[in-house]
N, C-alpha and C. Protein backbone atom coordinates (compact mmCIF):
# COMPACT_ATOMS: atom_id res chain seq x y z
N UNK A 1 31.60 -60.82 87.82
CA UNK A 1 30.98 -62.07 88.15
C UNK A 1 30.51 -62.09 89.61
N UNK A 2 31.28 -61.49 90.49
CA UNK A 2 30.90 -61.48 91.90
C UNK A 2 29.59 -60.73 92.10
N UNK A 3 29.44 -59.61 91.38
CA UNK A 3 28.20 -58.84 91.52
C UNK A 3 27.01 -59.67 91.04
N UNK A 4 27.16 -60.35 89.91
CA UNK A 4 26.08 -61.18 89.40
C UNK A 4 25.71 -62.28 90.39
N UNK A 5 26.73 -62.90 90.99
CA UNK A 5 26.46 -63.92 92.00
C UNK A 5 25.75 -63.31 93.21
N UNK A 6 26.14 -62.09 93.58
CA UNK A 6 25.54 -61.43 94.75
C UNK A 6 24.06 -61.13 94.54
N UNK A 7 23.65 -60.92 93.29
CA UNK A 7 22.23 -60.63 93.02
C UNK A 7 21.46 -61.88 92.61
N UNK A 8 22.07 -63.05 92.76
CA UNK A 8 21.32 -64.28 92.58
C UNK A 8 21.63 -65.11 91.35
N UNK A 9 22.51 -64.63 90.49
CA UNK A 9 22.86 -65.43 89.32
C UNK A 9 23.86 -66.50 89.70
N UNK A 10 23.74 -67.64 89.06
CA UNK A 10 24.66 -68.75 89.30
C UNK A 10 25.44 -69.00 88.01
N UNK A 11 26.73 -68.75 88.04
CA UNK A 11 27.50 -68.99 86.82
C UNK A 11 27.56 -70.49 86.48
N UNK A 12 27.47 -70.77 85.19
CA UNK A 12 27.52 -72.14 84.72
C UNK A 12 28.52 -72.17 83.56
N UNK A 13 29.37 -73.16 83.54
CA UNK A 13 30.34 -73.31 82.48
C UNK A 13 29.63 -73.62 81.16
N UNK A 14 29.97 -72.88 80.11
CA UNK A 14 29.36 -73.09 78.80
C UNK A 14 29.46 -74.52 78.31
N UNK A 15 30.65 -75.13 78.40
CA UNK A 15 30.75 -76.52 77.95
C UNK A 15 29.85 -77.48 78.74
N UNK A 16 29.54 -77.15 79.97
CA UNK A 16 28.69 -78.04 80.78
C UNK A 16 27.26 -78.10 80.27
N UNK A 17 26.79 -77.03 79.61
CA UNK A 17 25.41 -77.00 79.13
C UNK A 17 25.34 -77.08 77.60
N UNK A 18 26.46 -77.41 76.98
CA UNK A 18 26.55 -77.48 75.51
C UNK A 18 25.77 -78.67 74.96
N UNK A 19 25.34 -78.55 73.71
CA UNK A 19 24.65 -79.69 73.07
C UNK A 19 25.50 -80.96 73.15
N UNK A 20 24.83 -82.06 73.44
CA UNK A 20 25.51 -83.34 73.50
C UNK A 20 26.00 -83.72 74.89
N UNK A 21 26.01 -82.76 75.80
CA UNK A 21 26.45 -83.06 77.17
C UNK A 21 25.27 -83.58 77.98
N UNK A 22 25.57 -84.29 79.05
CA UNK A 22 24.52 -84.84 79.93
C UNK A 22 23.64 -83.73 80.49
N UNK A 23 24.20 -82.57 80.75
CA UNK A 23 23.45 -81.45 81.32
C UNK A 23 23.15 -80.37 80.28
N UNK A 24 23.05 -80.76 79.00
CA UNK A 24 22.79 -79.82 77.91
C UNK A 24 21.48 -79.05 78.14
N UNK A 25 21.50 -77.78 77.78
CA UNK A 25 20.30 -76.96 77.90
C UNK A 25 19.77 -76.52 76.55
N UNK A 26 20.35 -77.05 75.48
CA UNK A 26 19.86 -76.80 74.12
C UNK A 26 20.27 -77.98 73.26
N UNK A 27 19.52 -78.18 72.21
CA UNK A 27 19.81 -79.32 71.33
C UNK A 27 20.90 -79.02 70.31
N UNK A 28 21.06 -77.74 69.97
CA UNK A 28 22.13 -77.34 69.05
C UNK A 28 22.47 -75.87 69.30
N UNK A 29 23.60 -75.43 68.76
CA UNK A 29 24.06 -74.06 68.99
C UNK A 29 23.20 -73.02 68.28
N UNK A 30 22.36 -73.44 67.37
CA UNK A 30 21.45 -72.52 66.70
C UNK A 30 20.36 -72.00 67.63
N UNK A 31 20.14 -72.69 68.71
CA UNK A 31 19.14 -72.26 69.71
C UNK A 31 19.86 -71.37 70.72
N UNK A 32 19.82 -70.06 70.46
CA UNK A 32 20.56 -69.14 71.32
C UNK A 32 19.85 -68.82 72.62
N UNK A 33 18.54 -69.03 72.66
CA UNK A 33 17.77 -68.79 73.88
C UNK A 33 17.62 -70.11 74.63
N UNK A 34 17.97 -70.10 75.89
CA UNK A 34 17.79 -71.28 76.73
C UNK A 34 16.33 -71.28 77.19
N UNK A 35 15.48 -72.02 76.48
CA UNK A 35 14.04 -71.95 76.70
C UNK A 35 13.62 -72.28 78.12
N UNK A 36 14.21 -73.28 78.72
CA UNK A 36 13.82 -73.63 80.09
C UNK A 36 14.13 -72.48 81.05
N UNK A 37 15.28 -71.82 80.84
CA UNK A 37 15.62 -70.69 81.71
C UNK A 37 14.68 -69.52 81.47
N UNK A 38 14.33 -69.27 80.21
CA UNK A 38 13.39 -68.19 79.89
C UNK A 38 12.04 -68.49 80.52
N UNK A 39 11.59 -69.73 80.41
CA UNK A 39 10.31 -70.13 80.99
C UNK A 39 10.32 -69.92 82.51
N UNK A 40 11.39 -70.35 83.17
CA UNK A 40 11.49 -70.16 84.63
C UNK A 40 11.46 -68.69 84.99
N UNK A 41 12.15 -67.86 84.22
CA UNK A 41 12.17 -66.42 84.49
C UNK A 41 10.78 -65.82 84.31
N UNK A 42 10.07 -66.21 83.25
CA UNK A 42 8.72 -65.70 83.03
C UNK A 42 7.81 -66.03 84.21
N UNK A 43 7.87 -67.27 84.67
CA UNK A 43 7.03 -67.67 85.80
C UNK A 43 7.45 -66.96 87.09
N UNK A 44 8.74 -66.79 87.29
CA UNK A 44 9.23 -66.13 88.50
C UNK A 44 8.84 -64.64 88.51
N UNK A 45 8.98 -63.97 87.37
CA UNK A 45 8.71 -62.54 87.30
C UNK A 45 7.23 -62.20 87.19
N UNK A 46 6.41 -63.17 86.82
CA UNK A 46 4.97 -62.92 86.60
C UNK A 46 4.13 -63.96 87.33
N UNK A 47 4.24 -64.04 88.66
CA UNK A 47 3.55 -65.10 89.39
C UNK A 47 2.03 -65.03 89.31
N UNK A 48 1.48 -63.86 88.99
CA UNK A 48 0.02 -63.73 88.95
C UNK A 48 -0.58 -63.98 87.57
N UNK A 49 0.28 -64.18 86.59
CA UNK A 49 -0.23 -64.43 85.24
C UNK A 49 -0.60 -65.91 85.11
N UNK A 50 -1.68 -66.20 84.39
CA UNK A 50 -2.06 -67.61 84.17
C UNK A 50 -0.98 -68.35 83.38
N UNK A 51 -0.85 -69.65 83.64
CA UNK A 51 0.13 -70.47 82.94
C UNK A 51 0.00 -70.34 81.43
N UNK A 52 -1.24 -70.35 80.95
CA UNK A 52 -1.47 -70.27 79.50
C UNK A 52 -0.90 -68.98 78.92
N UNK A 53 -1.04 -67.87 79.64
CA UNK A 53 -0.52 -66.60 79.16
C UNK A 53 1.01 -66.62 79.08
N UNK A 54 1.64 -67.21 80.08
CA UNK A 54 3.10 -67.26 80.09
C UNK A 54 3.63 -68.17 78.99
N UNK A 55 2.96 -69.28 78.76
CA UNK A 55 3.39 -70.18 77.68
C UNK A 55 3.18 -69.51 76.33
N UNK A 56 2.10 -68.77 76.17
CA UNK A 56 1.86 -68.07 74.92
C UNK A 56 2.90 -66.95 74.74
N UNK A 57 3.30 -66.30 75.84
CA UNK A 57 4.33 -65.28 75.75
C UNK A 57 5.66 -65.90 75.31
N UNK A 58 5.95 -67.08 75.80
CA UNK A 58 7.17 -67.78 75.38
C UNK A 58 7.12 -68.05 73.88
N UNK A 59 6.00 -68.53 73.39
CA UNK A 59 5.85 -68.78 71.96
C UNK A 59 5.93 -67.49 71.15
N UNK A 60 5.30 -66.42 71.67
CA UNK A 60 5.31 -65.13 70.96
C UNK A 60 6.71 -64.53 70.91
N UNK A 61 7.57 -64.91 71.85
CA UNK A 61 8.93 -64.38 71.85
C UNK A 61 9.72 -64.85 70.64
N UNK A 62 9.27 -65.93 70.03
CA UNK A 62 9.96 -66.47 68.87
C UNK A 62 11.06 -67.44 69.24
N UNK A 63 11.32 -67.62 70.51
CA UNK A 63 12.43 -68.48 70.91
C UNK A 63 12.20 -69.93 70.54
N UNK A 64 10.96 -70.35 70.48
CA UNK A 64 10.68 -71.76 70.20
C UNK A 64 10.84 -72.12 68.74
N UNK A 65 10.70 -71.14 67.86
CA UNK A 65 10.74 -71.48 66.44
C UNK A 65 11.93 -70.89 65.72
N UNK A 66 12.36 -69.69 66.09
CA UNK A 66 13.41 -69.03 65.32
C UNK A 66 14.76 -69.08 65.98
N UNK A 67 14.81 -69.36 67.28
CA UNK A 67 16.08 -69.36 67.97
C UNK A 67 16.62 -67.98 68.23
N UNK A 68 15.77 -66.95 68.08
CA UNK A 68 16.24 -65.60 68.35
C UNK A 68 15.24 -64.87 69.23
N UNK A 69 15.76 -64.01 70.05
CA UNK A 69 14.92 -63.24 70.95
C UNK A 69 15.63 -61.94 71.24
N UNK A 70 14.92 -60.85 71.10
CA UNK A 70 15.49 -59.56 71.41
C UNK A 70 15.29 -59.30 72.90
N UNK A 71 16.38 -59.24 73.65
CA UNK A 71 16.29 -59.04 75.08
C UNK A 71 16.28 -57.55 75.37
N UNK A 72 15.12 -56.99 75.53
CA UNK A 72 14.98 -55.57 75.85
C UNK A 72 13.60 -55.35 76.44
N UNK A 73 13.46 -54.26 77.16
CA UNK A 73 12.16 -53.92 77.72
C UNK A 73 11.28 -53.42 76.58
N UNK A 74 10.12 -54.03 76.37
CA UNK A 74 9.28 -53.61 75.24
C UNK A 74 8.63 -52.26 75.47
N UNK A 75 8.39 -51.57 74.38
CA UNK A 75 7.67 -50.29 74.45
C UNK A 75 6.20 -50.57 74.68
N UNK A 76 5.44 -49.53 74.97
CA UNK A 76 4.01 -49.70 75.20
C UNK A 76 3.33 -50.30 73.98
N UNK A 77 3.74 -49.89 72.78
CA UNK A 77 3.17 -50.44 71.56
C UNK A 77 3.45 -51.92 71.40
N UNK A 78 4.67 -52.29 71.73
CA UNK A 78 5.04 -53.70 71.65
C UNK A 78 4.23 -54.52 72.63
N UNK A 79 4.09 -53.99 73.85
CA UNK A 79 3.32 -54.70 74.87
C UNK A 79 1.88 -54.87 74.42
N UNK A 80 1.29 -53.81 73.85
CA UNK A 80 -0.08 -53.89 73.37
C UNK A 80 -0.22 -54.90 72.25
N UNK A 81 0.75 -54.91 71.31
CA UNK A 81 0.71 -55.85 70.20
C UNK A 81 0.82 -57.28 70.72
N UNK A 82 1.76 -57.51 71.64
CA UNK A 82 1.90 -58.86 72.20
C UNK A 82 0.65 -59.26 72.96
N UNK A 83 0.06 -58.29 73.70
CA UNK A 83 -1.16 -58.59 74.45
C UNK A 83 -2.26 -59.07 73.53
N UNK A 84 -2.40 -58.38 72.39
CA UNK A 84 -3.47 -58.78 71.48
C UNK A 84 -3.14 -60.10 70.79
N UNK A 85 -1.85 -60.35 70.51
CA UNK A 85 -1.47 -61.60 69.86
C UNK A 85 -1.73 -62.80 70.74
N UNK A 86 -1.47 -62.67 72.05
CA UNK A 86 -1.62 -63.83 72.91
C UNK A 86 -2.91 -63.80 73.73
N UNK A 87 -3.65 -62.68 73.65
CA UNK A 87 -4.95 -62.60 74.28
C UNK A 87 -4.93 -62.31 75.78
N UNK A 88 -3.83 -61.74 76.29
CA UNK A 88 -3.75 -61.39 77.70
C UNK A 88 -3.26 -59.97 77.83
N UNK A 89 -3.67 -59.28 78.88
CA UNK A 89 -3.20 -57.92 79.15
C UNK A 89 -1.83 -57.99 79.81
N UNK A 90 -0.79 -57.65 79.07
CA UNK A 90 0.56 -57.69 79.58
C UNK A 90 1.03 -56.36 80.13
N UNK A 91 0.18 -55.32 80.10
CA UNK A 91 0.62 -53.99 80.50
C UNK A 91 1.09 -53.94 81.93
N UNK A 92 0.51 -54.74 82.82
CA UNK A 92 0.94 -54.70 84.22
C UNK A 92 2.19 -55.54 84.47
N UNK A 93 2.60 -56.31 83.47
CA UNK A 93 3.81 -57.12 83.63
C UNK A 93 5.07 -56.30 83.46
N UNK A 94 4.99 -55.13 82.86
CA UNK A 94 6.17 -54.32 82.62
C UNK A 94 6.09 -53.13 83.51
């Protein structure tokens, strides 16, 4: 935990962000991806990408509809497929 804090992560108690709490970050436990955090990370990591491209990338991740997201670095083929799906060149983002 100390190492994560040293590189900029802020630990948050799970119950504090649980559904039904004042500071909830998801509406139910079926939503495993914290969309607001993912959105902030996309914008932080890709400051030169247009807003529309980042929002489309969020939708293409599947987090908004399925509640699942594979957290891994995409292969070149995956990047190309996502680029064509959302209409932006994502090759420089990876």
